[in-house]
C-alpha cells in the first residue's frame, strides 16, 4: 500500500510509484511491437512523472543526501535532464513549428527553470538543513554523523 507507512510516507510513496512507472516503461519498451502506438506512448510518458518522483524520493529519504558525492551526482543528473528537455523543446519549435502552439512552447521553455530551482530550494531548506532528520521523524538508530570530508561545504 502506498503512502501509509510511519516513516517518510510521502517520499517513500513517491519512490514506490516511480519504481512501478519505471518498470512499466521498461516492459512496454520491450513489448512495443505488440501494443498500439497510442497505448505504448501513454505508458512511456510515465518516465516524465517517474524522474521527478525519483529525485524527490532520493533527496528526501536518502540517508546519504548530505554527502558531497551524492549531491554532485544528483545535480549532474538534474542538469543533464534539464538540458535534454530544453534541447527537445527547442528542436520541436524549430523543426516542427506547427506541432505546438507557439505560445505554449515558449511558455514551456520559460517555465523550465522552475523545476530546476524548486528542488534546489527545497533541498537547501529540507534535507540539507540542520534538524532535518528529527523533523522528518528519522529513527535515531539510522542516523549517524557524516564524516567531515564528505559534508557539504567541508574544506
C-alpha atoms as a PDB file:
ATOM      1  CA  UNK A   1       0.000   0.000   0.000  1.00  0.00           C
ATOM      2  CA  UNK A   2       1.193   3.467  -0.811  1.00  0.00           C
ATOM      3  CA  UNK A   3       1.638   6.481   1.403  1.00  0.00           C
ATOM      4  CA  UNK A   4       0.528   4.791   4.645  1.00  0.00           C
ATOM      5  CA  UNK A   5       3.812   3.945   6.386  1.00  0.00           C
ATOM      6  CA  UNK A   6       5.035   5.679   9.502  1.00  0.00           C
ATOM      7  CA  UNK A   7       8.407   6.673   8.039  1.00  0.00           C
ATOM      8  CA  UNK A   8       8.501   9.494   5.477  1.00  0.00           C
ATOM      9  CA  UNK A   9       5.385   8.161   3.809  1.00  0.00           C
ATOM     10  CA  UNK A  10       5.126  10.749   1.032  1.00  0.00           C
ATOM     11  CA  UNK A  11       8.724  10.423  -0.137  1.00  0.00           C
ATOM     12  CA  UNK A  12       8.732   6.626   0.183  1.00  0.00           C
ATOM     13  CA  UNK A  13       5.420   6.518  -1.693  1.00  0.00           C
ATOM     14  CA  UNK A  14       6.938   8.640  -4.466  1.00  0.00           C
ATOM     15  CA  UNK A  15       9.803   6.163  -4.706  1.00  0.00           C
ATOM     16  CA  UNK A  16       7.369   3.260  -4.965  1.00  0.00           C
ATOM     17  CA  UNK A  17       5.313   4.964  -7.665  1.00  0.00           C
ATOM     18  CA  UNK A  18       8.485   5.885  -9.563  1.00  0.00           C
ATOM     19  CA  UNK A  19       9.710   2.294  -9.409  1.00  0.00           C
ATOM     20  CA  UNK A  20       6.386   0.988 -10.715  1.00  0.00           C
ATOM     21  CA  UNK A  21       6.361   3.542 -13.534  1.00  0.00           C
ATOM     22  CA  UNK A  22       9.954   2.758 -14.470  1.00  0.00           C
ATOM     23  CA  UNK A  23       9.186  -0.969 -14.620  1.00  0.00           C
ATOM     24  CA  UNK A  24       6.132  -0.249 -16.789  1.00  0.00           C
ATOM     25  CA  UNK A  25       8.225   1.903 -19.142  1.00  0.00           C
ATOM     26  CA  UNK A  26      10.889  -0.818 -19.400  1.00  0.00           C
ATOM     27  CA  UNK A  27       8.332  -3.568 -20.059  1.00  0.00           C
ATOM     28  CA  UNK A  28       6.465  -1.560 -22.697  1.00  0.00           C
ATOM     29  CA  UNK A  29       9.773  -0.756 -24.395  1.00  0.00           C
ATOM     30  CA  UNK A  30      10.291  -4.464 -24.908  1.00  0.00           C
ATOM     31  CA  UNK A  31       6.689  -5.121 -25.916  1.00  0.00           C
ATOM     32  CA  UNK A  32       6.018  -2.039 -28.031  1.00  0.00           C
ATOM     33  CA  UNK A  33       5.693  -4.111 -31.203  1.00  0.00           C
ATOM     34  CA  UNK A  34       2.728  -5.912 -29.579  1.00  0.00           C
ATOM     35  CA  UNK A  35       0.982  -2.751 -28.381  1.00  0.00           C
ATOM     36  CA  UNK A  36      -0.840   0.011 -30.116  1.00  0.00           C
ATOM     37  CA  UNK A  37       1.392   3.072 -30.578  1.00  0.00           C
ATOM     38  CA  UNK A  38      -1.036   5.185 -28.571  1.00  0.00           C
ATOM     39  CA  UNK A  39      -1.027   2.816 -25.560  1.00  0.00           C
ATOM     40  CA  UNK A  40       2.744   2.464 -25.685  1.00  0.00           C
ATOM     41  CA  UNK A  41       3.230   6.233 -25.809  1.00  0.00           C
ATOM     42  CA  UNK A  42       0.857   6.727 -22.883  1.00  0.00           C
ATOM     43  CA  UNK A  43       2.909   4.375 -20.718  1.00  0.00           C
ATOM     44  CA  UNK A  44       6.211   5.794 -21.965  1.00  0.00           C
ATOM     45  CA  UNK A  45       5.135   9.263 -20.844  1.00  0.00           C
ATOM     46  CA  UNK A  46       5.259   7.834 -17.318  1.00  0.00           C
ATOM     47  CA  UNK A  47       9.009   8.436 -17.427  1.00  0.00           C
ATOM     48  CA  UNK A  48       8.284  12.166 -17.214  1.00  0.00           C
ATOM     49  CA  UNK A  49       6.422  11.542 -13.963  1.00  0.00           C
ATOM     50  CA  UNK A  50       8.873   8.986 -12.590  1.00  0.00           C
ATOM     51  CA  UNK A  51      12.007  11.106 -12.833  1.00  0.00           C
ATOM     52  CA  UNK A  52      10.920  13.995 -10.569  1.00  0.00           C
ATOM     53  CA  UNK A  53       9.462  11.447  -8.132  1.00  0.00           C
ATOM     54  CA  UNK A  54      12.815   9.651  -8.016  1.00  0.00           C
ATOM     55  CA  UNK A  55      14.604  12.955  -7.448  1.00  0.00           C
ATOM     56  CA  UNK A  56      12.369  13.936  -4.523  1.00  0.00           C
ATOM     57  CA  UNK A  57      12.487  10.421  -3.099  1.00  0.00           C
ATOM     58  CA  UNK A  58      16.275  10.293  -3.229  1.00  0.00           C
ATOM     59  CA  UNK A  59      16.843  13.736  -1.761  1.00  0.00           C
ATOM     60  CA  UNK A  60      14.158  13.469   0.900  1.00  0.00           C
ATOM     61  CA  UNK A  61      14.617   9.871   2.004  1.00  0.00           C
ATOM     62  CA  UNK A  62      18.229   9.059   1.307  1.00  0.00           C
ATOM     63  CA  UNK A  63      20.400   8.648   4.379  1.00  0.00           C
ATOM     64  CA  UNK A  64      23.394   9.918   2.419  1.00  0.00           C
ATOM     65  CA  UNK A  65      21.780  13.029   0.925  1.00  0.00           C
ATOM     66  CA  UNK A  66      24.244  15.305   2.735  1.00  0.00           C
ATOM     67  CA  UNK A  67      27.295  13.604   1.251  1.00  0.00           C
ATOM     68  CA  UNK A  68      29.033  15.706  -1.359  1.00  0.00           C
ATOM     69  CA  UNK A  69      29.357  12.922  -3.974  1.00  0.00           C
ATOM     70  CA  UNK A  70      25.605  12.267  -3.766  1.00  0.00           C
ATOM     71  CA  UNK A  71      24.780  15.952  -4.182  1.00  0.00           C
ATOM     72  CA  UNK A  72      27.174  16.279  -7.122  1.00  0.00           C
ATOM     73  CA  UNK A  73      25.659  13.211  -8.797  1.00  0.00           C
ATOM     74  CA  UNK A  74      22.107  14.455  -8.205  1.00  0.00           C
ATOM     75  CA  UNK A  75      22.902  17.950  -9.506  1.00  0.00           C
ATOM     76  CA  UNK A  76      24.651  16.479 -12.557  1.00  0.00           C
ATOM     77  CA  UNK A  77      21.691  14.219 -13.369  1.00  0.00           C
ATOM     78  CA  UNK A  78      19.221  17.083 -12.928  1.00  0.00           C
ATOM     79  CA  UNK A  79      21.327  19.333 -15.175  1.00  0.00           C
ATOM     80  CA  UNK A  80      21.561  16.687 -17.906  1.00  0.00           C
ATOM     81  CA  UNK A  81      17.816  16.000 -17.835  1.00  0.00           C
ATOM     82  CA  UNK A  82      17.008  19.714 -17.923  1.00  0.00           C
ATOM     83  CA  UNK A  83      19.404  20.192 -20.853  1.00  0.00           C
ATOM     84  CA  UNK A  84      17.841  17.317 -22.792  1.00  0.00           C
ATOM     85  CA  UNK A  85      14.337  18.689 -22.226  1.00  0.00           C
ATOM     86  CA  UNK A  86      15.427  22.171 -23.313  1.00  0.00           C
ATOM     87  CA  UNK A  87      17.025  20.780 -26.451  1.00  0.00           C
ATOM     88  CA  UNK A  88      13.980  18.663 -27.269  1.00  0.00           C
ATOM     89  CA  UNK A  89      11.621  21.614 -26.882  1.00  0.00           C
ATOM     90  CA  UNK A  90      13.926  23.865 -28.868  1.00  0.00           C
ATOM     91  CA  UNK A  91      14.225  21.279 -31.635  1.00  0.00           C
ATOM     92  CA  UNK A  92      10.475  20.873 -31.761  1.00  0.00           C
ATOM     93  CA  UNK A  93       9.988  24.630 -32.043  1.00  0.00           C
ATOM     94  CA  UNK A  94      12.476  24.887 -34.903  1.00  0.00           C
ATOM     95  CA  UNK A  95      11.841  21.639 -36.794  1.00  0.00           C
ATOM     96  CA  UNK A  96       8.078  21.381 -36.333  1.00  0.00           C
ATOM     97  CA  UNK A  97       6.769  24.878 -35.661  1.00  0.00           C
ATOM     98  CA  UNK A  98       3.149  23.889 -36.255  1.00  0.00           C
ATOM     99  CA  UNK A  99       3.171  20.863 -33.909  1.00  0.00           C
ATOM    100  CA  UNK A 100       2.941  23.029 -30.791  1.00  0.00           C
ATOM    101  CA  UNK A 101       1.199  26.338 -30.467  1.00  0.00           C
ATOM    102  CA  UNK A 102       3.970  28.927 -30.237  1.00  0.00           C
ATOM    103  CA  UNK A 103       2.646  30.435 -27.011  1.00  0.00           C
ATOM    104  CA  UNK A 104       2.528  27.046 -25.293  1.00  0.00           C
ATOM    105  CA  UNK A 105       6.010  26.140 -26.494  1.00  0.00           C
ATOM    106  CA  UNK A 106       7.587  29.409 -25.350  1.00  0.00           C
ATOM    107  CA  UNK A 107       5.697  29.232 -22.054  1.00  0.00           C
ATOM    108  CA  UNK A 108       7.127  25.729 -21.543  1.00  0.00           C
ATOM    109  CA  UNK A 109      10.632  26.999 -22.198  1.00  0.00           C
ATOM    110  CA  UNK A 110      10.132  29.944 -19.855  1.00  0.00           C
ATOM    111  CA  UNK A 111       8.811  27.678 -17.077  1.00  0.00           C
ATOM    112  CA  UNK A 112      11.701  25.194 -17.260  1.00  0.00           C
ATOM    113  CA  UNK A 113      13.887  26.911 -14.639  1.00  0.00           C
ATOM    114  CA  UNK A 114      11.151  26.318 -12.044  1.00  0.00           C
ATOM    115  CA  UNK A 115      11.646  22.524 -11.914  1.00  0.00           C
ATOM    116  CA  UNK A 116      15.373  23.142 -11.591  1.00  0.00           C
ATOM    117  CA  UNK A 117      15.183  25.806  -8.884  1.00  0.00           C
ATOM    118  CA  UNK A 118      12.344  24.367  -6.763  1.00  0.00           C
ATOM    119  CA  UNK A 119      14.138  21.109  -5.791  1.00  0.00           C
ATOM    120  CA  UNK A 120      17.331  23.053  -5.026  1.00  0.00           C
ATOM    121  CA  UNK A 121      15.485  25.456  -2.728  1.00  0.00           C
ATOM    122  CA  UNK A 122      13.576  22.597  -1.072  1.00  0.00           C
ATOM    123  CA  UNK A 123      16.784  20.576  -0.588  1.00  0.00           C
ATOM    124  CA  UNK A 124      18.592  23.527   0.991  1.00  0.00           C
ATOM    125  CA  UNK A 125      15.729  24.165   3.412  1.00  0.00           C
ATOM    126  CA  UNK A 126      14.899  20.497   3.968  1.00  0.00           C
ATOM    127  CA  UNK A 127      17.390  17.625   3.737  1.00  0.00           C
ATOM    128  CA  UNK A 128      20.464  19.864   3.983  1.00  0.00           C
ATOM    129  CA  UNK A 129      19.138  21.965   6.871  1.00  0.00           C
ATOM    130  CA  UNK A 130      20.111  21.085  10.400  1.00  0.00           C
ATOM    131  CA  UNK A 131      17.449  19.166  12.270  1.00  0.00           C
ATOM    132  CA  UNK A 132      16.037  17.553   9.102  1.00  0.00           C
ATOM    133  CA  UNK A 133      16.291  14.005  10.464  1.00  0.00           C
ATOM    134  CA  UNK A 134      14.370  14.941  13.604  1.00  0.00           C
ATOM    135  CA  UNK A 135      11.698  16.938  11.719  1.00  0.00           C
ATOM    136  CA  UNK A 136      11.147  14.080   9.303  1.00  0.00           C
ATOM    137  CA  UNK A 137      10.985  11.551  12.153  1.00  0.00           C
ATOM    138  CA  UNK A 138      14.047   9.544  11.141  1.00  0.00           C
ATOM    139  CA  UNK A 139      14.684   6.794  13.698  1.00  0.00           C
ATOM    140  CA  UNK A 140      17.830   7.665  15.651  1.00  0.00           C
ATOM    141  CA  UNK A 141      19.240   4.187  15.010  1.00  0.00           C
ATOM    142  CA  UNK A 142      19.530   5.022  11.302  1.00  0.00           C
ATOM    143  CA  UNK A 143      21.286   8.358  11.687  1.00  0.00           C
ATOM    144  CA  UNK A 144      24.995   8.767  12.088  1.00  0.00           C
ATOM    145  CA  UNK A 145      27.451  11.593  11.776  1.00  0.00           C
ATOM    146  CA  UNK A 146      28.661  12.267   8.256  1.00  0.00           C
ATOM    147  CA  UNK A 147      32.489  12.389   8.128  1.00  0.00           C
ATOM    148  CA  UNK A 148      33.772  15.941   7.773  1.00  0.00           C
ATOM    149  CA  UNK A 149      35.401  15.178   4.406  1.00  0.00           C
ATOM    150  CA  UNK A 150      32.032  14.147   2.949  1.00  0.00           C
ATOM    151  CA  UNK A 151      29.961  17.049   4.295  1.00  0.00           C
ATOM    152  CA  UNK A 152      28.700  19.798   2.062  1.00  0.00           C
ATOM    153  CA  UNK A 153      30.941  22.824   2.500  1.00  0.00           C
ATOM    154  CA  UNK A 154      33.779  20.764   4.006  1.00  0.00           C
ATOM    155  CA  UNK A 155      37.266  22.064   3.363  1.00  0.00           C
END
